[in-house]
Amino acid sequence: MEKFEDLLNELNEVVKELESGTLSLEESIQKYEKGIELSKKCKDKLLLAKEVVLAKTVDKEEK
């Protein structure tokens, strides 16, 4: 299972490469698509973490 921190680091690397301006159009499109994929994975992991925290909070409030 991929860790959030690893995904975020990879996403940051993709952003740096895109911002460098040294990639061809085709490479830029591939990196952009990879960035979108990584961004979605990060978002999903954050949403899951939020659900866990909220569930734990509700459990404590009910006790």
Protein backbone atom coordinates (compact mmCIF):
# COMPACT_ATOMS: atom_id res chain seq x y z
CA MET A 1 0.00 0.00 0.00
CA GLU A 2 1.36 3.38 -0.97
CA LYS A 3 1.98 5.85 1.81
CA PHE A 4 0.54 9.36 1.60
CA GLU A 5 3.95 10.93 2.15
CA ASP A 6 5.48 8.95 -0.74
CA LEU A 7 2.66 9.93 -3.07
CA LEU A 8 2.96 13.58 -2.06
CA ASN A 9 6.73 13.57 -2.60
CA GLU A 10 6.26 12.04 -6.04
CA LEU A 11 3.63 14.64 -6.86
CA ASN A 12 6.01 17.41 -5.81
CA GLU A 13 8.67 15.98 -8.11
CA VAL A 14 6.21 15.96 -11.01
CA VAL A 15 5.33 19.59 -10.33
CA LYS A 16 9.02 20.57 -10.27
CA GLU A 17 9.60 18.84 -13.59
CA LEU A 18 6.61 20.56 -15.15
CA GLU A 19 7.66 23.94 -13.79
CA SER A 20 11.21 23.51 -15.09
CA GLY A 21 10.04 24.09 -18.65
CA THR A 22 12.52 21.56 -20.02
CA LEU A 23 10.04 18.86 -21.00
CA SER A 24 8.68 18.33 -24.48
CA LEU A 25 4.95 18.72 -25.04
CA GLU A 26 4.45 14.96 -24.99
CA GLU A 27 6.48 14.59 -21.79
CA SER A 28 4.57 17.45 -20.20
CA ILE A 29 1.25 15.81 -21.01
CA GLN A 30 2.44 12.50 -19.53
CA LYS A 31 3.69 14.23 -16.38
CA TYR A 32 0.45 16.21 -16.09
CA GLU A 33 -1.58 13.00 -16.30
CA LYS A 34 0.67 11.38 -13.70
CA GLY A 35 0.22 14.44 -11.48
CA ILE A 36 -3.56 14.20 -11.74
CA GLU A 37 -3.40 10.51 -10.81
CA LEU A 38 -1.16 11.21 -7.82
CA SER A 39 -3.35 14.12 -6.73
CA LYS A 40 -6.44 11.88 -6.74
CA LYS A 41 -4.64 9.22 -4.71
CA CYS A 42 -3.54 11.83 -2.16
CA LYS A 43 -7.07 13.20 -1.92
CA ASP A 44 -8.50 9.71 -1.40
CA LYS A 45 -6.03 9.00 1.39
CA LEU A 46 -6.86 12.31 3.08
CA LEU A 47 -10.58 11.61 2.87
CA LEU A 48 -10.06 8.17 4.37
CA ALA A 49 -8.00 9.64 7.20
CA LYS A 50 -10.71 12.22 7.82
CA GLU A 51 -13.34 9.48 8.05
CA VAL A 52 -11.22 7.56 10.56
CA VAL A 53 -10.72 10.65 12.72
CA LEU A 54 -14.40 11.54 12.60
CA ALA A 55 -15.40 7.97 13.48
CA LYS A 56 -13.04 7.96 16.47
CA THR A 57 -14.37 11.36 17.56
CA VAL A 58 -17.97 10.13 17.40
CA ASP A 59 -17.03 6.98 19.36
CA LYS A 60 -15.50 9.05 22.15
CA GLU A 61 -18.47 11.41 22.30
CA GLU A 62 -20.89 8.47 22.64
CA LYS A 63 -19.01 6.97 25.61
